Amino acid sequence: MLRTIGKRILLVIPTLFGLTILLFAWVRALPGGPAAALLGERATPEAIERINAAYGFDRPIVVQYFTWLGRLIQGDFGASISSRRPVLEEFANRFPATVELSIAALLIAVAIGIPIGYWAAKHYGKAADHVSVAASLVGITIPVFFLAYILKYVFAVQLGWLPSDGRQDNIDATHITGFYVLDGLMTGELDAAWNAILHLILPAMALSTIPLAIIVRITRASVLEVMNADYVRTGRAKGLPPQQIRDRFVLRNAMLPVVTTIGLQAGLLIAGAVLTETVFAFHGIGEFLATAIFQRDFPVLQGFVLFIAIAYAAINLLVDISYSLIDPRVRVQ
């Protein structure tokens, strides 16, 4: 197991190295160079020269790259042009909000998607199957920001059942980790934890629709494939209880592609939180990135892409480890 984990980590290194080259080339390939793109309409020759000197854009391209790479290895992602604070510090402040929202959305998608997918496969060809497939198609096609505005208008503005924005009301709450729900549970401030959960519901529902629909379809297809396998028919012929066939033969063997899908969707949730956090003013990495795009804050954009790449690598590693826990055949291999 440890050898496998070590190999996976070694494979990630050249991928991240190649990504740094692409990011570096992307910024330098901007029309007029990074200084002109950063300044916009204020791009006078004197201002461009000043920015080039301040950020080292006037140095040889190879020197610029290895200087930037050396800082990345040391954990220095540069400073935000708008706030003048280190990018890593900005991410650390907003990281808990995005992770909390992504986890809530993923829990909704998994808790609803897997049972519906299994239920659709069990009733294959019937009305229940057709309804679930149609609903999953609708879930994939509706844009996240459009659904977010609908949920916000209906449940927050019209009905007033849930908060419309923010992570928590202006209450006296203790924040230790930055994960508001966890902080409330750790400190015993259950009212603060419940208030944070109420603020999570609408953005998590909006963010979960696409992964939920995908999980439903993958679970349905995987369960259908396993249900027609020889060992399942043999188990039925031997008179094994339906619950044992479902748990030991069908669900366990059907989970491998589902786990892969969940891992990929977990990475996409972090990247897809941009629109959701902007609509609900959730003050996470996504909202910060949207602001950076409008302000042409390239250090923040570069840091975000690297952050997503590292998150994907970590999630894929966890998915590989989970394979051996779900399927003994993978562990033996």
Protein backbone atom coordinates (compact mmCIF):
# COMPACT_ATOMS: atom_id res chain seq x y z
CA MET A 1 0.00 0.00 0.00
CA LEU A 2 2.75 2.46 0.96
CA ARG A 3 4.66 1.64 -2.21
CA THR A 4 1.56 2.33 -4.29
CA ILE A 5 1.00 5.67 -2.54
CA GLY A 6 4.63 6.61 -3.13
CA LYS A 7 4.36 5.81 -6.85
CA ARG A 8 1.20 7.90 -7.15
CA ILE A 9 2.88 10.86 -5.50
CA LEU A 10 5.91 10.56 -7.79
CA LEU A 11 3.61 10.58 -10.82
CA VAL A 12 2.03 13.83 -9.64
CA ILE A 13 5.35 15.71 -9.59
CA PRO A 14 5.93 15.85 -13.40
CA THR A 15 2.25 16.76 -13.89
CA LEU A 16 2.52 19.74 -11.57
CA PHE A 17 5.86 20.71 -13.14
CA GLY A 18 4.25 20.75 -16.60
CA LEU A 19 1.37 22.80 -15.22
CA THR A 20 3.76 25.45 -13.88
CA ILE A 21 5.25 25.80 -17.38
CA LEU A 22 1.79 26.27 -18.91
CA LEU A 23 0.78 28.83 -16.27
CA PHE A 24 4.00 30.77 -16.72
CA ALA A 25 3.62 30.76 -20.52
CA TRP A 26 -0.06 31.78 -20.25
CA VAL A 27 0.69 34.98 -18.33
CA ARG A 28 3.60 35.90 -20.61
CA ALA A 29 1.50 35.27 -23.74
CA LEU A 30 -1.09 37.91 -22.82
CA PRO A 31 -1.46 40.70 -25.43
CA GLY A 32 1.17 43.33 -24.66
CA GLY A 33 2.63 41.19 -21.89
CA PRO A 34 1.52 40.79 -18.26
CA ALA A 35 2.23 44.42 -17.37
CA ALA A 36 -0.01 45.80 -20.14
CA ALA A 37 -2.77 43.29 -19.33
CA LEU A 38 -2.56 44.22 -15.66
CA LEU A 39 -2.68 47.96 -16.23
CA GLY A 40 -5.42 47.87 -18.88
CA GLU A 41 -6.37 51.36 -20.02
CA ARG A 42 -3.67 52.85 -17.77
CA ALA A 43 -0.93 51.07 -19.77
CA THR A 44 1.37 53.96 -20.59
CA PRO A 45 5.00 53.18 -21.54
CA GLU A 46 6.21 54.61 -18.23
CA ALA A 47 3.70 52.56 -16.21
CA ILE A 48 4.57 49.36 -18.12
CA GLU A 49 8.26 49.93 -17.48
CA ARG A 50 7.60 50.49 -13.78
CA ILE A 51 5.50 47.29 -13.47
CA ASN A 52 8.11 45.26 -15.41
CA ALA A 53 10.83 46.42 -13.05
CA ALA A 54 8.70 45.84 -9.93
CA TYR A 55 7.69 42.28 -10.84
CA GLY A 56 10.86 41.26 -12.70
CA PHE A 57 9.18 40.99 -16.10
CA ASP A 58 12.19 42.71 -17.70
CA ARG A 59 14.55 39.88 -16.74
CA PRO A 60 15.40 36.94 -19.07
CA ILE A 61 12.46 34.57 -19.46
CA VAL A 62 14.37 31.55 -18.11
CA VAL A 63 15.45 33.49 -15.05
CA GLN A 64 11.86 34.63 -14.47
CA TYR A 65 10.54 31.07 -14.63
CA PHE A 66 13.05 29.47 -12.28
CA THR A 67 12.77 32.38 -9.85
CA TRP A 68 8.99 31.94 -9.80
CA LEU A 69 9.30 28.14 -9.53
CA GLY A 70 11.74 28.45 -6.64
CA ARG A 71 9.27 30.63 -4.77
CA LEU A 72 6.47 28.14 -5.41
CA ILE A 73 8.53 25.29 -3.99
CA GLN A 74 9.07 27.37 -0.86
CA GLY A 75 5.32 27.96 -0.58
CA ASP A 76 5.45 31.54 -1.85
CA PHE A 77 2.62 31.97 -4.39
CA GLY A 78 3.25 35.69 -4.63
CA ALA A 79 1.12 38.56 -3.38
CA SER A 80 -2.33 39.60 -4.51
CA ILE A 81 -2.14 42.74 -6.62
CA SER A 82 -5.41 44.08 -5.24
CA SER A 83 -5.01 43.37 -1.51
CA ARG A 84 -1.18 43.30 -1.35
CA ARG A 85 -1.43 40.25 0.92
CA PRO A 86 0.23 36.88 0.20
CA VAL A 87 -1.92 34.68 -2.04
CA LEU A 88 -1.42 31.70 0.28
CA GLU A 89 -2.68 33.75 3.22
CA GLU A 90 -5.74 34.85 1.27
CA PHE A 91 -6.46 31.23 0.31
CA ALA A 92 -5.99 30.03 3.89
CA ASN A 93 -8.59 32.53 5.11
CA ARG A 94 -11.14 31.47 2.49
CA PHE A 95 -10.29 27.80 2.14
CA PRO A 96 -12.53 26.56 5.01
CA ALA A 97 -15.61 28.23 3.50
CA THR A 98 -15.14 26.57 0.10
CA VAL A 99 -14.33 23.17 1.59
CA GLU A 100 -17.33 23.36 3.94
CA LEU A 101 -19.62 24.21 1.02
CA SER A 102 -18.10 21.51 -1.22
CA ILE A 103 -18.43 18.83 1.46
CA ALA A 104 -22.07 19.78 2.09
CA ALA A 105 -22.83 19.67 -1.65
CA LEU A 106 -21.04 16.33 -2.05
CA LEU A 107 -22.91 14.81 0.90
CA ILE A 108 -26.22 15.86 -0.66
CA ALA A 109 -25.19 14.44 -4.04
CA VAL A 110 -24.01 11.11 -2.62
CA ALA A 111 -26.84 10.67 -0.10
CA ILE A 112 -29.48 11.23 -2.79
CA GLY A 113 -27.70 10.12 -5.96
CA ILE A 114 -26.65 6.58 -5.01
CA PRO A 115 -30.08 5.46 -3.67
CA ILE A 116 -31.88 6.97 -6.68
CA GLY A 117 -29.41 5.35 -9.09
CA TYR A 118 -29.86 1.95 -7.43
CA TRP A 119 -33.64 2.39 -7.36
CA ALA A 120 -33.68 3.28 -11.07
CA ALA A 121 -31.57 0.23 -11.95
CA LYS A 122 -33.79 -2.04 -9.88
CA HIS A 123 -36.85 -0.77 -11.77
CA TYR A 124 -35.14 -0.75 -15.15
CA GLY A 125 -37.48 0.07 -18.05
CA LYS A 126 -40.32 1.13 -15.78
CA ALA A 127 -41.74 4.57 -15.07
CA ALA A 128 -39.48 5.08 -12.06
CA ASP A 129 -36.42 4.49 -14.23
CA HIS A 130 -37.57 6.90 -16.92
CA VAL A 131 -38.37 9.61 -14.37
CA SER A 132 -34.95 9.34 -12.71
CA VAL A 133 -33.13 9.47 -16.05
CA ALA A 134 -35.14 12.51 -17.16
CA ALA A 135 -34.57 14.26 -13.83
CA SER A 136 -30.82 13.61 -14.06
CA LEU A 137 -30.73 15.13 -17.54
CA VAL A 138 -32.49 18.24 -16.24
CA GLY A 139 -30.02 18.44 -13.35
CA ILE A 140 -27.05 18.37 -15.74
CA THR A 141 -28.45 20.93 -18.18
CA ILE A 142 -29.59 23.64 -15.71
CA PRO A 143 -26.77 26.17 -15.15
CA VAL A 144 -25.64 26.36 -11.54
CA PHE A 145 -25.92 30.15 -11.32
CA PHE A 146 -29.48 30.07 -12.73
CA LEU A 147 -30.60 27.47 -10.19
CA ALA A 148 -28.83 29.40 -7.43
CA TYR A 149 -30.82 32.54 -8.24
CA ILE A 150 -34.09 30.56 -8.35
CA LEU A 151 -33.43 28.90 -4.97
CA LYS A 152 -32.42 32.22 -3.46
CA TYR A 153 -35.52 34.01 -4.78
CA VAL A 154 -37.99 31.29 -3.76
CA PHE A 155 -36.70 30.09 -0.39
CA ALA A 156 -34.94 33.22 0.88
CA VAL A 157 -36.77 36.18 -0.65
CA GLN A 158 -40.34 34.94 -1.14
CA LEU A 159 -40.75 32.33 1.60
CA GLY A 160 -38.09 33.61 4.00
CA TRP A 161 -37.27 30.10 5.18
CA LEU A 162 -33.51 30.28 4.73
CA PRO A 163 -30.81 32.99 4.74
CA SER A 164 -30.00 34.56 1.39
CA ASP A 165 -26.27 35.18 1.75
CA GLY A 166 -23.21 34.92 3.94
CA ARG A 167 -21.90 32.04 6.04
CA GLN A 168 -23.43 33.04 9.36
CA ASP A 169 -25.55 35.77 10.89
CA ASN A 170 -23.89 38.51 12.89
CA ILE A 171 -23.85 36.51 16.11
CA ASP A 172 -21.29 36.09 18.87
CA ALA A 173 -19.64 32.84 17.71
CA THR A 174 -16.18 31.43 18.38
CA HIS A 175 -14.20 30.59 15.23
CA ILE A 176 -11.26 28.24 15.75
CA THR A 177 -10.73 26.37 12.49
CA GLY A 178 -12.71 28.56 10.09
CA PHE A 179 -15.19 25.72 9.50
CA TYR A 180 -18.20 27.36 11.12
CA VAL A 181 -20.27 24.20 11.62
CA LEU A 182 -17.33 22.34 13.14
CA ASP A 183 -16.40 25.31 15.30
CA GLY A 184 -19.90 25.47 16.72
CA LEU A 185 -19.84 21.76 17.56
CA MET A 186 -16.35 21.94 19.09
CA THR A 187 -17.18 24.90 21.32
CA GLY A 188 -20.65 23.67 22.24
CA GLU A 189 -22.26 26.68 20.55
CA LEU A 190 -24.98 24.63 18.90
CA ASP A 191 -26.99 27.70 17.91
CA ALA A 192 -23.99 28.99 15.93
CA ALA A 193 -23.52 25.58 14.28
CA TRP A 194 -27.20 25.41 13.34
CA ASN A 195 -27.09 28.94 11.98
CA ALA A 196 -24.10 28.00 9.79
CA ILE A 197 -25.96 24.91 8.55
CA LEU A 198 -28.95 27.06 7.56
CA HIS A 199 -26.63 29.30 5.54
CA LEU A 200 -25.14 26.21 3.85
CA ILE A 201 -28.39 24.66 2.63
CA LEU A 202 -29.22 26.84 -0.40
CA PRO A 203 -25.68 27.15 -1.87
CA ALA A 204 -25.02 23.46 -1.24
CA MET A 205 -28.27 22.48 -2.98
CA ALA A 206 -27.39 24.64 -5.98
CA LEU A 207 -23.83 23.31 -6.17
CA SER A 208 -24.87 19.67 -5.75
CA THR A 209 -27.24 19.40 -8.73
CA ILE A 210 -24.70 18.51 -11.43
CA PRO A 211 -22.70 15.95 -9.37
CA LEU A 212 -25.98 14.49 -8.08
CA ALA A 213 -27.26 13.94 -11.62
CA ILE A 214 -23.96 12.40 -12.72
CA ILE A 215 -23.82 10.08 -9.70
CA VAL A 216 -27.38 8.93 -10.40
CA ARG A 217 -26.51 8.00 -13.98
CA ILE A 218 -23.20 6.31 -13.15
CA THR A 219 -24.74 4.35 -10.26
CA ARG A 220 -27.63 3.23 -12.44
CA ALA A 221 -25.35 2.06 -15.25
CA SER A 222 -22.92 0.33 -12.89
CA VAL A 223 -25.64 -1.47 -10.92
CA LEU A 224 -27.30 -2.64 -14.13
CA GLU A 225 -24.02 -4.10 -15.32
CA VAL A 226 -23.37 -5.91 -12.04
CA MET A 227 -26.96 -7.19 -11.72
CA ASN A 228 -26.52 -9.07 -15.00
CA ALA A 229 -23.21 -10.65 -13.93
CA ASP A 230 -22.90 -14.41 -13.58
CA TYR A 231 -22.01 -14.39 -9.87
CA VAL A 232 -25.20 -12.44 -9.06
CA ARG A 233 -27.35 -14.94 -10.96
CA THR A 234 -25.52 -17.76 -9.19
CA GLY A 235 -26.24 -16.18 -5.80
CA ARG A 236 -29.91 -15.93 -6.64
CA ALA A 237 -29.97 -19.54 -7.84
CA LYS A 238 -28.48 -20.64 -4.51
CA GLY A 239 -31.31 -18.90 -2.69
CA LEU A 240 -29.23 -16.21 -0.96
CA PRO A 241 -31.28 -13.49 0.75
CA PRO A 242 -31.94 -10.43 -1.47
CA GLN A 243 -30.32 -8.11 1.08
CA GLN A 244 -27.11 -10.17 1.05
CA ILE A 245 -27.04 -10.17 -2.74
CA ARG A 246 -27.56 -6.41 -2.78
CA ASP A 247 -24.91 -5.58 -0.17
CA ARG A 248 -22.18 -8.14 -0.89
CA PHE A 249 -22.49 -8.67 -4.63
CA VAL A 250 -24.28 -5.77 -6.30
CA LEU A 251 -23.48 -2.59 -4.40
CA ARG A 252 -19.91 -3.46 -3.43
CA ASN A 253 -18.89 -4.37 -6.97
CA ALA A 254 -20.80 -1.47 -8.49
CA MET A 255 -19.10 1.10 -6.27
CA LEU A 256 -15.73 1.30 -8.06
CA PRO A 257 -16.88 3.51 -10.96
CA VAL A 258 -19.14 5.42 -8.57
CA VAL A 259 -16.22 6.16 -6.23
CA THR A 260 -14.17 7.36 -9.21
CA THR A 261 -17.01 9.67 -10.22
CA ILE A 262 -17.38 11.00 -6.68
CA GLY A 263 -13.65 11.75 -6.56
CA LEU A 264 -13.74 13.67 -9.83
CA GLN A 265 -16.86 15.57 -8.79
CA ALA A 266 -15.24 16.55 -5.49
CA GLY A 267 -12.51 18.34 -7.43
CA LEU A 268 -15.04 19.95 -9.75
CA LEU A 269 -17.06 21.21 -6.79
CA ILE A 270 -14.12 23.28 -5.58
CA ALA A 271 -13.66 24.76 -9.04
CA GLY A 272 -17.41 25.16 -9.61
CA ALA A 273 -17.96 27.02 -6.35
CA VAL A 274 -17.03 30.28 -8.10
CA LEU A 275 -20.54 31.08 -9.35
CA THR A 276 -22.35 29.68 -6.32
CA GLU A 277 -20.24 31.62 -3.82
CA THR A 278 -20.69 34.79 -5.85
CA VAL A 279 -24.50 34.48 -5.90
CA PHE A 280 -24.74 33.75 -2.17
CA ALA A 281 -21.82 36.00 -1.07
CA PHE A 282 -20.29 33.00 0.67
CA HIS A 283 -16.81 34.56 1.02
CA GLY A 284 -14.81 31.53 -0.11
CA ILE A 285 -12.06 30.93 -2.64
CA GLY A 286 -14.57 30.97 -5.49
CA GLU A 287 -15.83 34.47 -4.70
CA PHE A 288 -12.23 35.64 -4.26
CA LEU A 289 -11.33 34.19 -7.66
CA ALA A 290 -14.26 35.94 -9.36
CA THR A 291 -13.02 39.25 -7.97
CA ALA A 292 -9.48 38.45 -9.11
CA ILE A 293 -10.69 37.81 -12.68
CA PHE A 294 -12.30 41.24 -12.93
CA GLN A 295 -9.27 42.92 -11.33
CA ARG A 296 -6.77 40.96 -13.46
CA ASP A 297 -5.05 39.68 -10.36
CA PHE A 298 -2.77 37.15 -12.07
CA PRO A 299 -0.93 35.87 -8.96
CA VAL A 300 -4.30 34.87 -7.50
CA LEU A 301 -5.40 33.17 -10.75
CA GLN A 302 -2.13 31.23 -10.99
CA GLY A 303 -2.36 30.20 -7.37
CA PHE A 304 -5.96 29.03 -7.81
CA VAL A 305 -5.11 26.81 -10.80
CA LEU A 306 -2.22 25.25 -8.88
CA PHE A 307 -4.46 24.81 -5.86
CA ILE A 308 -7.08 22.97 -7.94
CA ALA A 309 -4.38 20.75 -9.47
CA ILE A 310 -3.04 19.79 -6.04
CA ALA A 311 -6.59 19.16 -4.80
CA TYR A 312 -7.27 16.88 -7.77
CA ALA A 313 -4.04 14.97 -7.13
CA ALA A 314 -4.90 14.48 -3.46
CA ILE A 315 -8.47 13.39 -4.23
CA ASN A 316 -7.32 10.91 -6.89
CA LEU A 317 -4.87 9.45 -4.39
CA LEU A 318 -7.71 8.96 -1.88
CA VAL A 319 -9.80 7.33 -4.61
CA ASP A 320 -6.99 4.87 -5.41
CA ILE A 321 -6.68 3.98 -1.73
CA SER A 322 -10.45 3.49 -1.44
CA TYR A 323 -10.32 0.96 -4.30
CA SER A 324 -8.34 -1.46 -2.18
CA LEU A 325 -10.82 -1.07 0.67
CA ILE A 326 -13.86 -1.70 -1.53
CA ASP A 327 -12.54 -4.45 -3.81
CA PRO A 328 -10.13 -7.07 -2.39
CA ARG A 329 -8.99 -7.93 -5.93
CA VAL A 330 -7.40 -4.50 -6.23
CA ARG A 331 -5.65 -4.99 -2.89
CA VAL A 332 -4.19 -8.32 -4.03
CA GLN A 333 -2.95 -6.84 -7.29
